[in-house]
Structure formats: structure tokens, C-alpha cells
Amino acid sequence: LYLTTIDTRVVGDPEELVYLDIELPW
């Protein structure tokens, strides 16, 4: 898995924001 973290913070309606929701296998 390649995971990029961008140096910016997205603001807005929490109902419109899509959050990352995955877990790495052990």
C-alpha cells in the first residue's frame, strides 16, 4: 500500500467529507 499524506487540512461540512477508513493487516 502506498499512502500519501498531503500537507493540507480539508475543512467543510463533516457530512460532506469522506474519511479514510481502512486498517492495515497485522
PDB file of all heavy atoms in Angstrom:
ATOM      1  N   LEU A   1       0.833  -1.197   0.000  1.00  0.00           N
ATOM      2  CA  LEU A   1       0.000   0.000   0.000  1.00  0.00           C
ATOM      3  C   LEU A   1       0.865   1.244   0.000  1.00  0.00           C
ATOM      4  O   LEU A   1       1.790   1.363   0.819  1.00  0.00           O
ATOM      5  CB  LEU A   1      -0.914   0.009   1.233  1.00  0.00           C
ATOM      6  CG  LEU A   1      -1.757   1.269   1.440  1.00  0.00           C
ATOM      7  CD1 LEU A   1      -2.939   1.279   0.465  1.00  0.00           C
ATOM      8  CD2 LEU A   1      -2.266   1.361   2.885  1.00  0.00           C
ATOM      9  N   TYR A   2       0.586   2.152  -0.924  1.00  0.00           N
ATOM     10  CA  TYR A   2       1.198   3.479  -0.919  1.00  0.00           C
ATOM     11  C   TYR A   2       0.210   4.459  -0.294  1.00  0.00           C
ATOM     12  O   TYR A   2      -0.915   4.600  -0.776  1.00  0.00           O
ATOM     13  CB  TYR A   2       1.542   3.931  -2.335  1.00  0.00           C
ATOM     14  CG  TYR A   2       2.699   3.196  -2.956  1.00  0.00           C
ATOM     15  CD1 TYR A   2       2.491   2.138  -3.828  1.00  0.00           C
ATOM     16  CD2 TYR A   2       4.017   3.564  -2.667  1.00  0.00           C
ATOM     17  CE1 TYR A   2       3.559   1.462  -4.407  1.00  0.00           C
ATOM     18  CE2 TYR A   2       5.093   2.898  -3.238  1.00  0.00           C
ATOM     19  CZ  TYR A   2       4.852   1.847  -4.109  1.00  0.00           C
ATOM     20  OH  TYR A   2       5.911   1.177  -4.675  1.00  0.00           O
ATOM     21  N   LEU A   3       0.635   5.118   0.765  1.00  0.00           N
ATOM     22  CA  LEU A   3      -0.198   6.082   1.474  1.00  0.00           C
ATOM     23  C   LEU A   3       0.479   7.451   1.435  1.00  0.00           C
ATOM     24  O   LEU A   3       1.568   7.626   1.990  1.00  0.00           O
ATOM     25  CB  LEU A   3      -0.401   5.639   2.925  1.00  0.00           C
ATOM     26  CG  LEU A   3      -1.105   6.635   3.850  1.00  0.00           C
ATOM     27  CD1 LEU A   3      -2.546   6.870   3.402  1.00  0.00           C
ATOM     28  CD2 LEU A   3      -1.062   6.148   5.295  1.00  0.00           C
ATOM     29  N   THR A   4      -0.164   8.409   0.779  1.00  0.00           N
ATOM     30  CA  THR A   4       0.355   9.774   0.715  1.00  0.00           C
ATOM     31  C   THR A   4      -0.436  10.661   1.660  1.00  0.00           C
ATOM     32  O   THR A   4      -1.673  10.655   1.627  1.00  0.00           O
ATOM     33  CB  THR A   4       0.263  10.342  -0.708  1.00  0.00           C
ATOM     34  OG1 THR A   4       1.018   9.531  -1.606  1.00  0.00           O
ATOM     35  CG2 THR A   4       0.802  11.766  -0.754  1.00  0.00           C
ATOM     36  N   THR A   5       0.261  11.411   2.509  1.00  0.00           N
ATOM     37  CA  THR A   5      -0.377  12.391   3.377  1.00  0.00           C
ATOM     38  C   THR A   5      -0.006  13.780   2.862  1.00  0.00           C
ATOM     39  O   THR A   5       1.168  14.154   2.861  1.00  0.00           O
ATOM     40  CB  THR A   5       0.069  12.219   4.837  1.00  0.00           C
ATOM     41  OG1 THR A   5      -0.221  10.878   5.263  1.00  0.00           O
ATOM     42  CG2 THR A   5      -0.663  13.202   5.740  1.00  0.00           C
ATOM     43  N   ILE A   6      -1.008  14.502   2.383  1.00  0.00           N
ATOM     44  CA  ILE A   6      -0.796  15.822   1.793  1.00  0.00           C
ATOM     45  C   ILE A   6      -0.759  16.877   2.898  1.00  0.00           C
ATOM     46  O   ILE A   6      -1.562  16.840   3.836  1.00  0.00           O
ATOM     47  CB  ILE A   6      -1.932  16.158   0.802  1.00  0.00           C
ATOM     48  CG1 ILE A   6      -2.150  15.011  -0.198  1.00  0.00           C
ATOM     49  CG2 ILE A   6      -1.637  17.465   0.068  1.00  0.00           C
ATOM     50  CD1 ILE A   6      -0.995  14.748  -1.107  1.00  0.00           C
ATOM     51  N   ASP A   7       0.150  17.837   2.782  1.00  0.00           N
ATOM     52  CA  ASP A   7       0.314  18.867   3.806  1.00  0.00           C
ATOM     53  C   ASP A   7      -0.739  19.960   3.636  1.00  0.00           C
ATOM     54  O   ASP A   7      -0.448  21.118   3.316  1.00  0.00           O
ATOM     55  CB  ASP A   7       1.721  19.457   3.742  1.00  0.00           C
ATOM     56  CG  ASP A   7       2.013  20.368   4.937  1.00  0.00           C
ATOM     57  OD1 ASP A   7       1.242  20.307   5.913  1.00  0.00           O
ATOM     58  OD2 ASP A   7       3.001  21.125   4.880  1.00  0.00           O
ATOM     59  N   THR A   8      -1.987  19.567   3.838  1.00  0.00           N
ATOM     60  CA  THR A   8      -3.109  20.497   3.816  1.00  0.00           C
ATOM     61  C   THR A   8      -4.216  19.906   4.677  1.00  0.00           C
ATOM     62  O   THR A   8      -4.258  18.686   4.870  1.00  0.00           O
ATOM     63  CB  THR A   8      -3.631  20.735   2.384  1.00  0.00           C
ATOM     64  OG1 THR A   8      -4.592  21.792   2.382  1.00  0.00           O
ATOM     65  CG2 THR A   8      -4.269  19.485   1.815  1.00  0.00           C
ATOM     66  N   ARG A   9      -5.046  20.761   5.210  1.00  0.00           N
ATOM     67  CA  ARG A   9      -6.161  20.285   6.031  1.00  0.00           C
ATOM     68  C   ARG A   9      -7.466  20.705   5.375  1.00  0.00           C
ATOM     69  O   ARG A   9      -7.727  21.897   5.197  1.00  0.00           O
ATOM     70  CB  ARG A   9      -6.065  20.861   7.445  1.00  0.00           C
ATOM     71  CG  ARG A   9      -7.145  20.330   8.392  1.00  0.00           C
ATOM     72  CD  ARG A   9      -7.039  20.967   9.763  1.00  0.00           C
ATOM     73  NE  ARG A   9      -8.104  20.519  10.656  1.00  0.00           N
ATOM     74  CZ  ARG A   9      -7.984  19.520  11.511  1.00  0.00           C
ATOM     75  NH1 ARG A   9      -6.832  18.868  11.593  1.00  0.00           N
ATOM     76  NH2 ARG A   9      -8.991  19.158  12.278  1.00  0.00           N
ATOM     77  N   VAL A  10      -8.272  19.725   5.006  1.00  0.00           N
ATOM     78  CA  VAL A  10      -9.543  19.987   4.333  1.00  0.00           C
ATOM     79  C   VAL A  10     -10.581  20.379   5.380  1.00  0.00           C
ATOM     80  O   VAL A  10     -10.757  19.688   6.389  1.00  0.00           O
ATOM     81  CB  VAL A  10     -10.013  18.751   3.553  1.00  0.00           C
ATOM     82  CG1 VAL A  10     -11.361  19.023   2.889  1.00  0.00           C
ATOM     83  CG2 VAL A  10      -8.979  18.356   2.506  1.00  0.00           C
ATOM     84  N   VAL A  11     -11.258  21.495   5.146  1.00  0.00           N
ATOM     85  CA  VAL A  11     -12.319  21.936   6.046  1.00  0.00           C
ATOM     86  C   VAL A  11     -13.635  21.922   5.282  1.00  0.00           C
ATOM     87  O   VAL A  11     -13.662  22.020   4.055  1.00  0.00           O
ATOM     88  CB  VAL A  11     -12.039  23.338   6.606  1.00  0.00           C
ATOM     89  CG1 VAL A  11     -10.782  23.332   7.464  1.00  0.00           C
ATOM     90  CG2 VAL A  11     -11.895  24.364   5.480  1.00  0.00           C
ATOM     91  N   GLY A  12     -14.722  21.813   6.013  1.00  0.00           N
ATOM     92  CA  GLY A  12     -16.032  21.794   5.373  1.00  0.00           C
ATOM     93  C   GLY A  12     -17.044  21.064   6.226  1.00  0.00           C
ATOM     94  O   GLY A  12     -16.767  20.673   7.371  1.00  0.00           O
ATOM     95  N   ASP A  13     -18.204  20.862   5.676  1.00  0.00           N
ATOM     96  CA  ASP A  13     -19.281  20.163   6.353  1.00  0.00           C
ATOM     97  C   ASP A  13     -18.859  18.719   6.601  1.00  0.00           C
ATOM     98  O   ASP A  13     -18.568  17.992   5.651  1.00  0.00           O
ATOM     99  CB  ASP A  13     -20.535  20.209   5.477  1.00  0.00           C
ATOM    100  CG  ASP A  13     -21.750  19.592   6.164  1.00  0.00           C
ATOM    101  OD1 ASP A  13     -21.578  18.878   7.170  1.00  0.00           O
ATOM    102  OD2 ASP A  13     -22.874  19.811   5.661  1.00  0.00           O
ATOM    103  N   PRO A  14     -18.807  18.267   7.866  1.00  0.00           N
ATOM    104  CA  PRO A  14     -18.403  16.880   8.142  1.00  0.00           C
ATOM    105  C   PRO A  14     -19.240  15.848   7.401  1.00  0.00           C
ATOM    106  O   PRO A  14     -18.752  14.743   7.118  1.00  0.00           O
ATOM    107  CB  PRO A  14     -18.579  16.765   9.660  1.00  0.00           C
ATOM    108  CG  PRO A  14     -18.465  18.154  10.169  1.00  0.00           C
ATOM    109  CD  PRO A  14     -19.072  19.015   9.103  1.00  0.00           C
ATOM    110  N   GLU A  15     -20.484  16.198   7.081  1.00  0.00           N
ATOM    111  CA  GLU A  15     -21.348  15.267   6.358  1.00  0.00           C
ATOM    112  C   GLU A  15     -20.917  15.112   4.902  1.00  0.00           C
ATOM    113  O   GLU A  15     -21.296  14.144   4.239  1.00  0.00           O
ATOM    114  CB  GLU A  15     -22.803  15.740   6.414  1.00  0.00           C
ATOM    115  CG  GLU A  15     -23.405  15.756   7.814  1.00  0.00           C
ATOM    116  CD  GLU A  15     -23.425  14.371   8.445  1.00  0.00           C
ATOM    117  OE1 GLU A  15     -23.733  13.405   7.724  1.00  0.00           O
ATOM    118  OE2 GLU A  15     -23.145  14.266   9.654  1.00  0.00           O
ATOM    119  N   GLU A  16     -20.124  16.057   4.402  1.00  0.00           N
ATOM    120  CA  GLU A  16     -19.670  16.004   3.010  1.00  0.00           C
ATOM    121  C   GLU A  16     -18.243  15.488   2.886  1.00  0.00           C
ATOM    122  O   GLU A  16     -17.810  15.138   1.782  1.00  0.00           O
ATOM    123  CB  GLU A  16     -19.767  17.393   2.372  1.00  0.00           C
ATOM    124  CG  GLU A  16     -21.190  17.920   2.286  1.00  0.00           C
ATOM    125  CD  GLU A  16     -21.271  19.342   1.775  1.00  0.00           C
ATOM    126  OE1 GLU A  16     -20.195  20.006   1.733  1.00  0.00           O
ATOM    127  OE2 GLU A  16     -22.370  19.802   1.429  1.00  0.00           O
ATOM    128  N   LEU A  17     -17.509  15.440   3.998  1.00  0.00           N
ATOM    129  CA  LEU A  17     -16.133  14.958   3.954  1.00  0.00           C
ATOM    130  C   LEU A  17     -16.100  13.437   3.939  1.00  0.00           C
ATOM    131  O   LEU A  17     -16.844  12.776   4.644  1.00  0.00           O
ATOM    132  CB  LEU A  17     -15.350  15.483   5.161  1.00  0.00           C
ATOM    133  CG  LEU A  17     -15.262  17.006   5.317  1.00  0.00           C
ATOM    134  CD1 LEU A  17     -14.438  17.362   6.545  1.00  0.00           C
ATOM    135  CD2 LEU A  17     -14.692  17.653   4.068  1.00  0.00           C
ATOM    136  N   VAL A  18     -15.212  12.888   3.107  1.00  0.00           N
ATOM    137  CA  VAL A  18     -15.031  11.437   3.022  1.00  0.00           C
ATOM    138  C   VAL A  18     -13.742  11.096   3.752  1.00  0.00           C
ATOM    139  O   VAL A  18     -12.660  11.574   3.383  1.00  0.00           O
ATOM    140  CB  VAL A  18     -14.954  10.966   1.559  1.00  0.00           C
ATOM    141  CG1 VAL A  18     -14.790   9.444   1.500  1.00  0.00           C
ATOM    142  CG2 VAL A  18     -16.206  11.405   0.791  1.00  0.00           C
ATOM    143  N   TYR A  19     -13.857  10.283   4.796  1.00  0.00           N
ATOM    144  CA  TYR A  19     -12.701   9.960   5.637  1.00  0.00           C
ATOM    145  C   TYR A  19     -12.099   8.618   5.258  1.00  0.00           C
ATOM    146  O   TYR A  19     -12.811   7.679   4.883  1.00  0.00           O
ATOM    147  CB  TYR A  19     -13.117   9.923   7.109  1.00  0.00           C
ATOM    148  CG  TYR A  19     -13.640  11.233   7.638  1.00  0.00           C
ATOM    149  CD1 TYR A  19     -15.004  11.485   7.714  1.00  0.00           C
ATOM    150  CD2 TYR A  19     -12.761  12.224   8.056  1.00  0.00           C
ATOM    151  CE1 TYR A  19     -15.487  12.680   8.191  1.00  0.00           C
ATOM    152  CE2 TYR A  19     -13.233  13.429   8.543  1.00  0.00           C
ATOM    153  CZ  TYR A  19     -14.595  13.657   8.606  1.00  0.00           C
ATOM    154  OH  TYR A  19     -15.069  14.848   9.081  1.00  0.00           O
ATOM    155  N   LEU A  20     -10.793   8.549   5.377  1.00  0.00           N
ATOM    156  CA  LEU A  20     -10.114   7.270   5.185  1.00  0.00           C
ATOM    157  C   LEU A  20     -10.517   6.328   6.311  1.00  0.00           C
ATOM    158  O   LEU A  20     -10.461   6.686   7.484  1.00  0.00           O
ATOM    159  CB  LEU A  20      -8.594   7.479   5.195  1.00  0.00           C
ATOM    160  CG  LEU A  20      -7.746   6.226   4.979  1.00  0.00           C
ATOM    161  CD1 LEU A  20      -7.996   5.625   3.600  1.00  0.00           C
ATOM    162  CD2 LEU A  20      -6.261   6.557   5.137  1.00  0.00           C
ATOM    163  N   ASP A  21     -10.942   5.136   5.969  1.00  0.00           N
ATOM    164  CA  ASP A  21     -11.413   4.195   6.972  1.00  0.00           C
ATOM    165  C   ASP A  21     -10.976   2.783   6.610  1.00  0.00           C
ATOM    166  O   ASP A  21     -11.790   1.918   6.287  1.00  0.00           O
ATOM    167  CB  ASP A  21     -12.939   4.272   7.095  1.00  0.00           C
ATOM    168  CG  ASP A  21     -13.463   3.462   8.276  1.00  0.00           C
ATOM    169  OD1 ASP A  21     -12.658   3.143   9.167  1.00  0.00           O
ATOM    170  OD2 ASP A  21     -14.671   3.143   8.286  1.00  0.00           O
ATOM    171  N   ILE A  22      -9.676   2.590   6.593  1.00  0.00           N
ATOM    172  CA  ILE A  22      -9.121   1.262   6.366  1.00  0.00           C
ATOM    173  C   ILE A  22      -8.155   0.940   7.491  1.00  0.00           C
ATOM    174  O   ILE A  22      -7.635   1.837   8.161  1.00  0.00           O
ATOM    175  CB  ILE A  22      -8.384   1.150   5.005  1.00  0.00           C
ATOM    176  CG1 ILE A  22      -7.195   2.134   4.944  1.00  0.00           C
ATOM    177  CG2 ILE A  22      -9.342   1.403   3.852  1.00  0.00           C
ATOM    178  CD1 ILE A  22      -6.334   1.956   3.709  1.00  0.00           C
ATOM    179  N   GLU A  23      -7.926  -0.331   7.704  1.00  0.00           N
ATOM    180  CA  GLU A  23      -6.955  -0.782   8.686  1.00  0.00           C
ATOM    181  C   GLU A  23      -5.943  -1.695   8.016  1.00  0.00           C
ATOM    182  O   GLU A  23      -6.297  -2.511   7.163  1.00  0.00           O
ATOM    183  CB  GLU A  23      -7.649  -1.541   9.814  1.00  0.00           C
ATOM    184  CG  GLU A  23      -8.617  -0.706  10.608  1.00  0.00           C
ATOM    185  CD  GLU A  23      -9.340  -1.556  11.632  1.00  0.00           C
ATOM    186  OE1 GLU A  23      -8.675  -2.317  12.353  1.00  0.00           O
ATOM    187  OE2 GLU A  23     -10.579  -1.467  11.682  1.00  0.00           O
ATOM    188  N   LEU A  24      -4.703  -1.548   8.408  1.00  0.00           N
ATOM    189  CA  LEU A  24      -3.667  -2.418   7.861  1.00  0.00           C
ATOM    190  C   LEU A  24      -3.749  -3.802   8.493  1.00  0.00           C
ATOM    191  O   LEU A  24      -3.989  -3.922   9.697  1.00  0.00           O
ATOM    192  CB  LEU A  24      -2.281  -1.831   8.123  1.00  0.00           C
ATOM    193  CG  LEU A  24      -1.980  -0.467   7.498  1.00  0.00           C
ATOM    194  CD1 LEU A  24      -0.545  -0.076   7.796  1.00  0.00           C
ATOM    195  CD2 LEU A  24      -2.244  -0.469   6.006  1.00  0.00           C
ATOM    196  N   PRO A  25      -3.547  -4.852   7.719  1.00  0.00           N
ATOM    197  CA  PRO A  25      -3.434  -6.184   8.307  1.00  0.00           C
ATOM    198  C   PRO A  25      -2.269  -6.227   9.292  1.00  0.00           C
ATOM    199  O   PRO A  25      -1.318  -5.446   9.189  1.00  0.00           O
ATOM    200  CB  PRO A  25      -3.170  -7.083   7.090  1.00  0.00           C
ATOM    201  CG  PRO A  25      -3.628  -6.288   5.907  1.00  0.00           C
ATOM    202  CD  PRO A  25      -3.396  -4.856   6.251  1.00  0.00           C
ATOM    203  N   TRP A  26      -2.331  -7.143  10.222  1.00  0.00           N
ATOM    204  CA  TRP A  26      -1.305  -7.211  11.265  1.00  0.00           C
ATOM    205  C   TRP A  26       0.091  -7.435  10.687  1.00  0.00           C
ATOM    206  O   TRP A  26       1.091  -7.015  11.295  1.00  0.00           O
ATOM    207  CB  TRP A  26      -1.627  -8.338  12.256  1.00  0.00           C
ATOM    208  CG  TRP A  26      -1.562  -9.716  11.641  1.00  0.00           C
ATOM    209  CD1 TRP A  26      -2.569 -10.389  11.034  1.00  0.00           C
ATOM    210  CD2 TRP A  26      -0.411 -10.559  11.568  1.00  0.00           C
ATOM    211  NE1 TRP A  26      -2.136 -11.612  10.575  1.00  0.00           N
ATOM    212  CE2 TRP A  26      -0.814 -11.746  10.897  1.00  0.00           C
ATOM    213  CE3 TRP A  26       0.915 -10.448  11.992  1.00  0.00           C
ATOM    214  CZ2 TRP A  26       0.068 -12.793  10.643  1.00  0.00           C
ATOM    215  CZ3 TRP A  26       1.798 -11.493  11.737  1.00  0.00           C
ATOM    216  CH2 TRP A  26       1.369 -12.657  11.072  1.00  0.00           C
TER     217      TRP A  26
END
